[in-house]
């Protein structure tokens, strides 16, 4: 896997990100001088956590023949104390399918 980012336009913050055959964009909000034209690096961090949790749940369920249809992963960010070294992410997971409570607990 190779990831590369490059400034799209001189004097702007927006980045074009290439990860193997995929092209994404990243930007920051107006408070930091950007245009909010794409998710921020912090957004991608949160997205990475949510998708990692969801995909891991699917892999776990499939390996154990658990009837998991859908995973909903929500990540809530509290970065209000980031400058003091505290960055809190809270993850909420929901599982849908013909699952028993015990199977849901095992996946969780």
PDB file of N, CA and C in Angstrom:
ATOM      1  N   UNK A   1       0.849  -1.167   0.000  1.00  0.00           N
ATOM      2  CA  UNK A   1       0.000   0.000   0.000  1.00  0.00           C
ATOM      3  C   UNK A   1       0.898   1.235   0.000  1.00  0.00           C
ATOM      4  N   UNK A   2       0.578   2.149  -0.879  1.00  0.00           N
ATOM      5  CA  UNK A   2       1.284   3.423  -0.935  1.00  0.00           C
ATOM      6  C   UNK A   2       0.261   4.534  -0.840  1.00  0.00           C
ATOM      7  N   UNK A   3       0.484   5.481   0.041  1.00  0.00           N
ATOM      8  CA  UNK A   3      -0.385   6.660   0.169  1.00  0.00           C
ATOM      9  C   UNK A   3       0.450   7.888  -0.159  1.00  0.00           C
ATOM     10  N   UNK A   4      -0.120   8.752  -0.970  1.00  0.00           N
ATOM     11  CA  UNK A   4       0.568   9.982  -1.362  1.00  0.00           C
ATOM     12  C   UNK A   4      -0.434  11.126  -1.332  1.00  0.00           C
ATOM     13  N   UNK A   5      -0.025  12.261  -0.806  1.00  0.00           N
ATOM     14  CA  UNK A   5      -0.884  13.437  -0.801  1.00  0.00           C
ATOM     15  C   UNK A   5      -0.130  14.604  -1.420  1.00  0.00           C
ATOM     16  N   UNK A   6      -0.882  15.435  -2.117  1.00  0.00           N
ATOM     17  CA  UNK A   6      -0.277  16.584  -2.793  1.00  0.00           C
ATOM     18  C   UNK A   6      -1.266  17.744  -2.772  1.00  0.00           C
ATOM     19  N   UNK A   7      -0.760  18.941  -2.526  1.00  0.00           N
ATOM     20  CA  UNK A   7      -1.597  20.131  -2.547  1.00  0.00           C
ATOM     21  C   UNK A   7      -2.195  20.290  -3.943  1.00  0.00           C
ATOM     22  N   UNK A   8      -3.513  20.501  -3.982  1.00  0.00           N
ATOM     23  CA  UNK A   8      -4.192  20.582  -5.277  1.00  0.00           C
ATOM     24  C   UNK A   8      -3.917  21.908  -5.990  1.00  0.00           C
ATOM     25  N   UNK A   9      -4.018  23.015  -5.252  1.00  0.00           N
ATOM     26  CA  UNK A   9      -3.803  24.344  -5.840  1.00  0.00           C
ATOM     27  C   UNK A   9      -2.866  25.157  -4.940  1.00  0.00           C
ATOM     28  N   UNK A  10      -1.940  25.842  -5.534  1.00  0.00           N
ATOM     29  CA  UNK A  10      -0.999  26.679  -4.792  1.00  0.00           C
ATOM     30  C   UNK A  10      -1.775  27.657  -3.909  1.00  0.00           C
ATOM     31  N   UNK A  11      -1.368  27.774  -2.658  1.00  0.00           N
ATOM     32  CA  UNK A  11      -1.993  28.712  -1.735  1.00  0.00           C
ATOM     33  C   UNK A  11      -3.258  28.194  -1.070  1.00  0.00           C
ATOM     34  N   UNK A  12      -3.674  26.993  -1.393  1.00  0.00           N
ATOM     35  CA  UNK A  12      -4.873  26.399  -0.797  1.00  0.00           C
ATOM     36  C   UNK A  12      -4.453  25.219   0.076  1.00  0.00           C
ATOM     37  N   UNK A  13      -5.339  24.794   0.965  1.00  0.00           N
ATOM     38  CA  UNK A  13      -5.052  23.671   1.845  1.00  0.00           C
ATOM     39  C   UNK A  13      -5.479  22.324   1.267  1.00  0.00           C
ATOM     40  N   UNK A  14      -6.469  22.309   0.375  1.00  0.00           N
ATOM     41  CA  UNK A  14      -7.027  21.057  -0.139  1.00  0.00           C
ATOM     42  C   UNK A  14      -5.921  20.155  -0.686  1.00  0.00           C
ATOM     43  N   UNK A  15      -5.982  18.890  -0.262  1.00  0.00           N
ATOM     44  CA  UNK A  15      -5.025  17.875  -0.687  1.00  0.00           C
ATOM     45  C   UNK A  15      -5.720  16.822  -1.539  1.00  0.00           C
ATOM     46  N   UNK A  16      -5.031  16.346  -2.550  1.00  0.00           N
ATOM     47  CA  UNK A  16      -5.476  15.179  -3.301  1.00  0.00           C
ATOM     48  C   UNK A  16      -4.674  14.005  -2.764  1.00  0.00           C
ATOM     49  N   UNK A  17      -5.387  12.978  -2.360  1.00  0.00           N
ATOM     50  CA  UNK A  17      -4.781  11.827  -1.717  1.00  0.00           C
ATOM     51  C   UNK A  17      -4.952  10.620  -2.632  1.00  0.00           C
ATOM     52  N   UNK A  18      -3.868   9.928  -2.860  1.00  0.00           N
ATOM     53  CA  UNK A  18      -3.925   8.703  -3.657  1.00  0.00           C
ATOM     54  C   UNK A  18      -3.458   7.548  -2.777  1.00  0.00           C
ATOM     55  N   UNK A  19      -4.301   6.538  -2.711  1.00  0.00           N
ATOM     56  CA  UNK A  19      -3.992   5.322  -1.971  1.00  0.00           C
ATOM     57  C   UNK A  19      -4.156   4.182  -2.964  1.00  0.00           C
ATOM     58  N   UNK A  20      -3.037   3.653  -3.411  1.00  0.00           N
ATOM     59  CA  UNK A  20      -3.037   2.663  -4.482  1.00  0.00           C
ATOM     60  C   UNK A  20      -3.887   3.185  -5.647  1.00  0.00           C
ATOM     61  N   UNK A  21      -4.973   2.515  -6.002  1.00  0.00           N
ATOM     62  CA  UNK A  21      -5.776   2.925  -7.164  1.00  0.00           C
ATOM     63  C   UNK A  21      -6.904   3.891  -6.796  1.00  0.00           C
ATOM     64  N   UNK A  22      -6.965   4.341  -5.557  1.00  0.00           N
ATOM     65  CA  UNK A  22      -8.063   5.190  -5.086  1.00  0.00           C
ATOM     66  C   UNK A  22      -7.615   6.644  -4.967  1.00  0.00           C
ATOM     67  N   UNK A  23      -8.525   7.558  -5.305  1.00  0.00           N
ATOM     68  CA  UNK A  23      -8.252   8.984  -5.176  1.00  0.00           C
ATOM     69  C   UNK A  23      -9.277   9.603  -4.240  1.00  0.00           C
ATOM     70  N   UNK A  24      -8.791  10.315  -3.233  1.00  0.00           N
ATOM     71  CA  UNK A  24      -9.622  10.983  -2.237  1.00  0.00           C
ATOM     72  C   UNK A  24      -9.163  12.434  -2.151  1.00  0.00           C
ATOM     73  N   UNK A  25      -9.853  13.199  -1.346  1.00  0.00           N
ATOM     74  CA  UNK A  25      -9.437  14.578  -1.087  1.00  0.00           C
ATOM     75  C   UNK A  25      -9.516  14.820   0.415  1.00  0.00           C
ATOM     76  N   UNK A  26      -8.751  15.781   0.882  1.00  0.00           N
ATOM     77  CA  UNK A  26      -8.788  16.192   2.288  1.00  0.00           C
ATOM     78  C   UNK A  26      -8.664  17.710   2.330  1.00  0.00           C
ATOM     79  N   UNK A  27      -9.301  18.299   3.314  1.00  0.00           N
ATOM     80  CA  UNK A  27      -9.262  19.751   3.476  1.00  0.00           C
ATOM     81  C   UNK A  27      -9.477  20.050   4.952  1.00  0.00           C
ATOM     82  N   UNK A  28      -9.364  21.292   5.308  1.00  0.00           N
ATOM     83  CA  UNK A  28      -9.703  21.741   6.655  1.00  0.00           C
ATOM     84  C   UNK A  28     -10.784  22.805   6.533  1.00  0.00           C
ATOM     85  N   UNK A  29     -11.391  23.136   7.655  1.00  0.00           N
ATOM     86  CA  UNK A  29     -12.469  24.112   7.665  1.00  0.00           C
ATOM     87  C   UNK A  29     -11.975  25.552   7.596  1.00  0.00           C
ATOM     88  N   UNK A  30     -12.911  26.465   7.419  1.00  0.00           N
ATOM     89  CA  UNK A  30     -12.576  27.889   7.315  1.00  0.00           C
ATOM     90  C   UNK A  30     -11.813  28.445   8.520  1.00  0.00           C
ATOM     91  N   UNK A  31     -12.071  27.926   9.720  1.00  0.00           N
ATOM     92  CA  UNK A  31     -11.343  28.405  10.904  1.00  0.00           C
ATOM     93  C   UNK A  31      -9.835  28.245  10.755  1.00  0.00           C
ATOM     94  N   UNK A  32      -9.442  27.232  10.007  1.00  0.00           N
ATOM     95  CA  UNK A  32      -8.018  26.961   9.799  1.00  0.00           C
ATOM     96  C   UNK A  32      -7.524  27.454   8.440  1.00  0.00           C
ATOM     97  N   UNK A  33      -8.406  28.075   7.674  1.00  0.00           N
ATOM     98  CA  UNK A  33      -8.012  28.619   6.379  1.00  0.00           C
ATOM     99  C   UNK A  33      -8.404  27.784   5.185  1.00  0.00           C
ATOM    100  N   UNK A  34      -9.096  26.683   5.423  1.00  0.00           N
ATOM    101  CA  UNK A  34      -9.535  25.822   4.325  1.00  0.00           C
ATOM    102  C   UNK A  34     -10.939  26.168   3.872  1.00  0.00           C
ATOM    103  N   UNK A  35     -11.487  25.298   3.047  1.00  0.00           N
ATOM    104  CA  UNK A  35     -12.817  25.538   2.474  1.00  0.00           C
ATOM    105  C   UNK A  35     -13.831  24.453   2.837  1.00  0.00           C
ATOM    106  N   UNK A  36     -13.460  23.485   3.672  1.00  0.00           N
ATOM    107  CA  UNK A  36     -14.332  22.351   4.003  1.00  0.00           C
ATOM    108  C   UNK A  36     -14.832  21.640   2.754  1.00  0.00           C
ATOM    109  N   UNK A  37     -13.981  21.535   1.752  1.00  0.00           N
ATOM    110  CA  UNK A  37     -14.374  20.914   0.491  1.00  0.00           C
ATOM    111  C   UNK A  37     -14.265  19.395   0.512  1.00  0.00           C
ATOM    112  N   UNK A  38     -13.728  18.853   1.592  1.00  0.00           N
ATOM    113  CA  UNK A  38     -13.550  17.412   1.738  1.00  0.00           C
ATOM    114  C   UNK A  38     -13.381  17.116   3.227  1.00  0.00           C
ATOM    115  N   UNK A  39     -13.439  15.842   3.603  1.00  0.00           N
ATOM    116  CA  UNK A  39     -13.199  15.520   5.009  1.00  0.00           C
ATOM    117  C   UNK A  39     -11.811  15.978   5.449  1.00  0.00           C
ATOM    118  N   UNK A  40     -11.704  16.286   6.730  1.00  0.00           N
ATOM    119  CA  UNK A  40     -10.412  16.700   7.292  1.00  0.00           C
ATOM    120  C   UNK A  40      -9.609  15.454   7.676  1.00  0.00           C
ATOM    121  N   UNK A  41      -8.315  15.603   7.952  1.00  0.00           N
ATOM    122  CA  UNK A  41      -7.545  14.463   8.441  1.00  0.00           C
ATOM    123  C   UNK A  41      -8.151  13.845   9.707  1.00  0.00           C
ATOM    124  N   UNK A  42      -8.700  14.669  10.586  1.00  0.00           N
ATOM    125  CA  UNK A  42      -9.350  14.131  11.789  1.00  0.00           C
ATOM    126  C   UNK A  42     -10.580  13.311  11.404  1.00  0.00           C
ATOM    127  N   UNK A  43     -11.332  13.783  10.401  1.00  0.00           N
ATOM    128  CA  UNK A  43     -12.489  13.015   9.922  1.00  0.00           C
ATOM    129  C   UNK A  43     -12.047  11.648   9.415  1.00  0.00           C
ATOM    130  N   UNK A  44     -10.969  11.623   8.634  1.00  0.00           N
ATOM    131  CA  UNK A  44     -10.470  10.352   8.109  1.00  0.00           C
ATOM    132  C   UNK A  44     -10.013   9.433   9.237  1.00  0.00           C
ATOM    133  N   UNK A  45      -9.443   9.988  10.288  1.00  0.00           N
ATOM    134  CA  UNK A  45      -9.050   9.179  11.443  1.00  0.00           C
ATOM    135  C   UNK A  45     -10.285   8.524  12.058  1.00  0.00           C
ATOM    136  N   UNK A  46     -11.342   9.318  12.237  1.00  0.00           N
ATOM    137  CA  UNK A  46     -12.594   8.798  12.801  1.00  0.00           C
ATOM    138  C   UNK A  46     -13.210   7.750  11.875  1.00  0.00           C
ATOM    139  N   UNK A  47     -13.188   8.027  10.568  1.00  0.00           N
ATOM    140  CA  UNK A  47     -13.715   7.090   9.575  1.00  0.00           C
ATOM    141  C   UNK A  47     -12.926   5.779   9.625  1.00  0.00           C
ATOM    142  N   UNK A  48     -11.613   5.877   9.749  1.00  0.00           N
ATOM    143  CA  UNK A  48     -10.779   4.680   9.816  1.00  0.00           C
ATOM    144  C   UNK A  48     -11.151   3.823  11.019  1.00  0.00           C
ATOM    145  N   UNK A  49     -11.367   4.456  12.164  1.00  0.00           N
ATOM    146  CA  UNK A  49     -11.762   3.716  13.361  1.00  0.00           C
ATOM    147  C   UNK A  49     -13.117   3.047  13.158  1.00  0.00           C
ATOM    148  N   UNK A  50     -14.100   3.779  12.641  1.00  0.00           N
ATOM    149  CA  UNK A  50     -15.441   3.231  12.447  1.00  0.00           C
ATOM    150  C   UNK A  50     -15.429   2.065  11.459  1.00  0.00           C
ATOM    151  N   UNK A  51     -14.754   2.240  10.332  1.00  0.00           N
ATOM    152  CA  UNK A  51     -14.749   1.167   9.341  1.00  0.00           C
ATOM    153  C   UNK A  51     -13.942  -0.034   9.815  1.00  0.00           C
ATOM    154  N   UNK A  52     -12.885   0.193  10.559  1.00  0.00           N
ATOM    155  CA  UNK A  52     -12.114  -0.914  11.108  1.00  0.00           C
ATOM    156  C   UNK A  52     -12.983  -1.749  12.052  1.00  0.00           C
ATOM    157  N   UNK A  53     -13.727  -1.076  12.918  1.00  0.00           N
ATOM    158  CA  UNK A  53     -14.627  -1.781  13.842  1.00  0.00           C
ATOM    159  C   UNK A  53     -15.683  -2.575  13.073  1.00  0.00           C
ATOM    160  N   UNK A  54     -16.294  -1.940  12.066  1.00  0.00           N
ATOM    161  CA  UNK A  54     -17.364  -2.589  11.302  1.00  0.00           C
ATOM    162  C   UNK A  54     -16.838  -3.791  10.515  1.00  0.00           C
ATOM    163  N   UNK A  55     -15.728  -3.610   9.833  1.00  0.00           N
ATOM    164  CA  UNK A  55     -15.184  -4.703   9.029  1.00  0.00           C
ATOM    165  C   UNK A  55     -14.682  -5.844   9.902  1.00  0.00           C
ATOM    166  N   UNK A  56     -14.090  -5.525  11.045  1.00  0.00           N
ATOM    167  CA  UNK A  56     -13.644  -6.564  11.977  1.00  0.00           C
ATOM    168  C   UNK A  56     -14.838  -7.377  12.472  1.00  0.00           C
ATOM    169  N   UNK A  57     -15.944  -6.713  12.768  1.00  0.00           N
ATOM    170  CA  UNK A  57     -17.154  -7.422  13.207  1.00  0.00           C
ATOM    171  C   UNK A  57     -17.654  -8.367  12.117  1.00  0.00           C
ATOM    172  N   UNK A  58     -17.666  -7.895  10.868  1.00  0.00           N
ATOM    173  CA  UNK A  58     -18.100  -8.749   9.754  1.00  0.00           C
ATOM    174  C   UNK A  58     -17.175  -9.958   9.591  1.00  0.00           C
ATOM    175  N   UNK A  59     -15.873  -9.732   9.665  1.00  0.00           N
ATOM    176  CA  UNK A  59     -14.909 -10.829   9.517  1.00  0.00           C
ATOM    177  C   UNK A  59     -15.093 -11.850  10.634  1.00  0.00           C
ATOM    178  N   UNK A  60     -15.243 -11.367  11.862  1.00  0.00           N
ATOM    179  CA  UNK A  60     -15.452 -12.248  13.020  1.00  0.00           C
ATOM    180  C   UNK A  60     -16.720 -13.078  12.834  1.00  0.00           C
ATOM    181  N   UNK A  61     -17.815 -12.407  12.455  1.00  0.00           N
ATOM    182  CA  UNK A  61     -19.095 -13.105  12.296  1.00  0.00           C
ATOM    183  C   UNK A  61     -19.031 -14.130  11.172  1.00  0.00           C
ATOM    184  N   UNK A  62     -18.453 -13.752  10.055  1.00  0.00           N
ATOM    185  CA  UNK A  62     -18.374 -14.677   8.915  1.00  0.00           C
ATOM    186  C   UNK A  62     -17.566 -15.921   9.280  1.00  0.00           C
ATOM    187  N   UNK A  63     -16.466 -15.742  10.005  1.00  0.00           N
ATOM    188  CA  UNK A  63     -15.618 -16.876  10.387  1.00  0.00           C
ATOM    189  C   UNK A  63     -16.336 -17.840  11.325  1.00  0.00           C
ATOM    190  N   UNK A  64     -17.374 -17.363  11.997  1.00  0.00           N
ATOM    191  CA  UNK A  64     -18.103 -18.180  12.963  1.00  0.00           C
ATOM    192  C   UNK A  64     -19.524 -18.500  12.503  1.00  0.00           C
ATOM    193  N   UNK A  65     -19.804 -18.239  11.234  1.00  0.00           N
ATOM    194  CA  UNK A  65     -21.137 -18.495  10.655  1.00  0.00           C
ATOM    195  C   UNK A  65     -22.254 -17.831  11.447  1.00  0.00           C
ATOM    196  N   UNK A  66     -22.017 -16.609  11.889  1.00  0.00           N
ATOM    197  CA  UNK A  66     -23.036 -15.829  12.591  1.00  0.00           C
ATOM    198  C   UNK A  66     -23.753 -14.979  11.547  1.00  0.00           C
ATOM    199  N   UNK A  67     -25.072 -14.964  11.602  1.00  0.00           N
ATOM    200  CA  UNK A  67     -25.905 -14.301  10.587  1.00  0.00           C
ATOM    201  C   UNK A  67     -25.937 -12.781  10.766  1.00  0.00           C
ATOM    202  N   UNK A  68     -24.795 -12.163  10.619  1.00  0.00           N
ATOM    203  CA  UNK A  68     -24.689 -10.705  10.736  1.00  0.00           C
ATOM    204  C   UNK A  68     -24.931 -10.095   9.362  1.00  0.00           C
ATOM    205  N   UNK A  69     -25.956  -9.233   9.268  1.00  0.00           N
ATOM    206  CA  UNK A  69     -26.270  -8.578   7.999  1.00  0.00           C
ATOM    207  C   UNK A  69     -25.632  -7.197   7.900  1.00  0.00           C
ATOM    208  N   UNK A  70     -25.776  -6.414   8.950  1.00  0.00           N
ATOM    209  CA  UNK A  70     -25.361  -5.012   8.911  1.00  0.00           C
ATOM    210  C   UNK A  70     -24.687  -4.629  10.210  1.00  0.00           C
ATOM    211  N   UNK A  71     -23.642  -3.817  10.069  1.00  0.00           N
ATOM    212  CA  UNK A  71     -22.991  -3.212  11.233  1.00  0.00           C
ATOM    213  C   UNK A  71     -23.122  -1.703  11.076  1.00  0.00           C
ATOM    214  N   UNK A  72     -23.544  -1.054  12.134  1.00  0.00           N
ATOM    215  CA  UNK A  72     -23.575   0.410  12.164  1.00  0.00           C
ATOM    216  C   UNK A  72     -22.560   0.830  13.216  1.00  0.00           C
ATOM    217  N   UNK A  73     -21.575   1.599  12.785  1.00  0.00           N
ATOM    218  CA  UNK A  73     -20.532   2.076  13.695  1.00  0.00           C
ATOM    219  C   UNK A  73     -20.550   3.598  13.680  1.00  0.00           C
ATOM    220  N   UNK A  74     -20.731   4.187  14.844  1.00  0.00           N
ATOM    221  CA  UNK A  74     -20.720   5.647  14.991  1.00  0.00           C
ATOM    222  C   UNK A  74     -19.547   6.041  15.862  1.00  0.00           C
ATOM    223  N   UNK A  75     -18.819   7.041  15.420  1.00  0.00           N
ATOM    224  CA  UNK A  75     -17.705   7.571  16.204  1.00  0.00           C
ATOM    225  C   UNK A  75     -18.018   9.025  16.525  1.00  0.00           C
ATOM    226  N   UNK A  76     -18.036   9.321  17.806  1.00  0.00           N
ATOM    227  CA  UNK A  76     -18.248  10.699  18.261  1.00  0.00           C
ATOM    228  C   UNK A  76     -16.917  11.233  18.766  1.00  0.00           C
ATOM    229  N   UNK A  77     -16.548  12.405  18.283  1.00  0.00           N
ATOM    230  CA  UNK A  77     -15.258  13.004  18.624  1.00  0.00           C
ATOM    231  C   UNK A  77     -15.451  14.166  19.598  1.00  0.00           C
ATOM    232  N   UNK A  78     -14.649  14.157  20.650  1.00  0.00           N
ATOM    233  CA  UNK A  78     -14.566  15.306  21.556  1.00  0.00           C
ATOM    234  C   UNK A  78     -13.116  15.767  21.540  1.00  0.00           C
ATOM    235  N   UNK A  79     -12.870  16.822  20.766  1.00  0.00           N
ATOM    236  CA  UNK A  79     -11.507  17.341  20.679  1.00  0.00           C
ATOM    237  C   UNK A  79     -11.375  18.686  21.394  1.00  0.00           C
ATOM    238  N   UNK A  80     -12.310  18.943  22.316  1.00  0.00           N
ATOM    239  CA  UNK A  80     -12.326  20.230  23.017  1.00  0.00           C
ATOM    240  C   UNK A  80     -11.086  20.451  23.885  1.00  0.00           C
ATOM    241  N   UNK A  81     -10.407  19.369  24.259  1.00  0.00           N
ATOM    242  CA  UNK A  81      -9.202  19.496  25.089  1.00  0.00           C
ATOM    243  C   UNK A  81      -7.959  18.988  24.361  1.00  0.00           C
ATOM    244  N   UNK A  82      -8.009  19.017  23.040  1.00  0.00           N
ATOM    245  CA  UNK A  82      -6.894  18.499  22.245  1.00  0.00           C
ATOM    246  C   UNK A  82      -5.583  19.214  22.554  1.00  0.00           C
ATOM    247  N   UNK A  83      -5.635  20.510  22.747  1.00  0.00           N
ATOM    248  CA  UNK A  83      -4.407  21.275  23.034  1.00  0.00           C
ATOM    249  C   UNK A  83      -3.802  20.908  24.389  1.00  0.00           C
ATOM    250  N   UNK A  84      -4.600  20.289  25.250  1.00  0.00           N
ATOM    251  CA  UNK A  84      -4.090  19.813  26.541  1.00  0.00           C
ATOM    252  C   UNK A  84      -3.688  18.339  26.466  1.00  0.00           C
ATOM    253  N   UNK A  85      -3.721  17.755  25.259  1.00  0.00           N
ATOM    254  CA  UNK A  85      -3.301  16.374  25.074  1.00  0.00           C
ATOM    255  C   UNK A  85      -4.402  15.347  25.227  1.00  0.00           C
ATOM    256  N   UNK A  86      -5.669  15.786  25.277  1.00  0.00           N
ATOM    257  CA  UNK A  86      -6.777  14.845  25.438  1.00  0.00           C
ATOM    258  C   UNK A  86      -7.657  14.893  24.193  1.00  0.00           C
ATOM    259  N   UNK A  87      -7.850  13.748  23.590  1.00  0.00           N
ATOM    260  CA  UNK A  87      -8.635  13.609  22.361  1.00  0.00           C
ATOM    261  C   UNK A  87      -9.483  12.368  22.549  1.00  0.00           C
ATOM    262  N   UNK A  88     -10.780  12.527  22.721  1.00  0.00           N
ATOM    263  CA  UNK A  88     -11.651  11.421  23.090  1.00  0.00           C
ATOM    264  C   UNK A  88     -12.532  11.007  21.925  1.00  0.00           C
ATOM    265  N   UNK A  89     -12.494   9.728  21.584  1.00  0.00           N
ATOM    266  CA  UNK A  89     -13.378   9.157  20.577  1.00  0.00           C
ATOM    267  C   UNK A  89     -14.243   8.111  21.261  1.00  0.00           C
ATOM    268  N   UNK A  90     -15.545   8.214  21.061  1.00  0.00           N
ATOM    269  CA  UNK A  90     -16.488   7.245  21.610  1.00  0.00           C
ATOM    270  C   UNK A  90     -17.106   6.485  20.449  1.00  0.00           C
ATOM    271  N   UNK A  91     -17.072   5.165  20.524  1.00  0.00           N
ATOM    272  CA  UNK A  91     -17.596   4.315  19.453  1.00  0.00           C
ATOM    273  C   UNK A  91     -18.867   3.626  19.934  1.00  0.00           C
ATOM    274  N   UNK A  92     -19.895   3.685  19.088  1.00  0.00           N
ATOM    275  CA  UNK A  92     -21.143   2.967  19.341  1.00  0.00           C
ATOM    276  C   UNK A  92     -21.344   1.993  18.187  1.00  0.00           C
ATOM    277  N   UNK A  93     -21.575   0.720  18.531  1.00  0.00           N
ATOM    278  CA  UNK A  93     -21.769  -0.308  17.515  1.00  0.00           C
ATOM    279  C   UNK A  93     -23.161  -0.892  17.629  1.00  0.00           C
ATOM    280  N   UNK A  94     -23.778  -1.134  16.481  1.00  0.00           N
ATOM    281  CA  UNK A  94     -25.069  -1.817  16.413  1.00  0.00           C
ATOM    282  C   UNK A  94     -24.953  -2.922  15.381  1.00  0.00           C
ATOM    283  N   UNK A  95     -25.574  -4.058  15.670  1.00  0.00           N
ATOM    284  CA  UNK A  95     -25.527  -5.211  14.785  1.00  0.00           C
ATOM    285  C   UNK A  95     -26.941  -5.606  14.401  1.00  0.00           C
ATOM    286  N   UNK A  96     -27.146  -5.872  13.106  1.00  0.00           N
ATOM    287  CA  UNK A  96     -28.458  -6.272  12.620  1.00  0.00           C
ATOM    288  C   UNK A  96     -28.347  -7.611  11.913  1.00  0.00           C
ATOM    289  N   UNK A  97     -29.400  -8.398  12.046  1.00  0.00           N
ATOM    290  CA  UNK A  97     -29.461  -9.712  11.425  1.00  0.00           C
ATOM    291  C   UNK A  97     -30.151 -10.673  12.374  1.00  0.00           C
ATOM    292  N   UNK A  98     -30.183 -11.930  11.979  1.00  0.00           N
ATOM    293  CA  UNK A  98     -30.811 -12.964  12.799  1.00  0.00           C
ATOM    294  C   UNK A  98     -29.807 -13.421  13.860  1.00  0.00           C
ATOM    295  N   UNK A  99     -29.549 -12.512  14.808  1.00  0.00           N
ATOM    296  CA  UNK A  99     -28.540 -12.747  15.836  1.00  0.00           C
ATOM    297  C   UNK A  99     -29.175 -12.876  17.207  1.00  0.00           C
ATOM    298  N   UNK A 100     -28.629 -13.757  18.009  1.00  0.00           N
ATOM    299  CA  UNK A 100     -29.058 -13.823  19.409  1.00  0.00           C
ATOM    300  C   UNK A 100     -28.310 -12.731  20.176  1.00  0.00           C
ATOM    301  N   UNK A 101     -28.794 -12.423  21.366  1.00  0.00           N
ATOM    302  CA  UNK A 101     -28.094 -11.456  22.215  1.00  0.00           C
ATOM    303  C   UNK A 101     -26.678 -11.930  22.527  1.00  0.00           C
ATOM    304  N   UNK A 102     -26.514 -13.244  22.701  1.00  0.00           N
ATOM    305  CA  UNK A 102     -25.196 -13.808  22.979  1.00  0.00           C
ATOM    306  C   UNK A 102     -24.258 -13.609  21.790  1.00  0.00           C
ATOM    307  N   UNK A 103     -24.764 -13.787  20.576  1.00  0.00           N
ATOM    308  CA  UNK A 103     -23.929 -13.583  19.383  1.00  0.00           C
ATOM    309  C   UNK A 103     -23.545 -12.118  19.241  1.00  0.00           C
ATOM    310  N   UNK A 104     -24.498 -11.238  19.510  1.00  0.00           N
ATOM    311  CA  UNK A 104     -24.183  -9.799  19.453  1.00  0.00           C
ATOM    312  C   UNK A 104     -23.087  -9.446  20.450  1.00  0.00           C
ATOM    313  N   UNK A 105     -23.166 -10.025  21.658  1.00  0.00           N
ATOM    314  CA  UNK A 105     -22.153  -9.765  22.683  1.00  0.00           C
ATOM    315  C   UNK A 105     -20.792 -10.294  22.270  1.00  0.00           C
ATOM    316  N   UNK A 106     -20.769 -11.477  21.649  1.00  0.00           N
ATOM    317  CA  UNK A 106     -19.510 -12.053  21.196  1.00  0.00           C
ATOM    318  C   UNK A 106     -18.874 -11.181  20.115  1.00  0.00           C
ATOM    319  N   UNK A 107     -19.677 -10.694  19.195  1.00  0.00           N
ATOM    320  CA  UNK A 107     -19.155  -9.821  18.128  1.00  0.00           C
ATOM    321  C   UNK A 107     -18.625  -8.534  18.724  1.00  0.00           C
ATOM    322  N   UNK A 108     -19.378  -7.998  19.662  1.00  0.00           N
ATOM    323  CA  UNK A 108     -18.972  -6.725  20.284  1.00  0.00           C
ATOM    324  C   UNK A 108     -17.656  -6.893  20.992  1.00  0.00           C
TER     325      UNK A 108
END
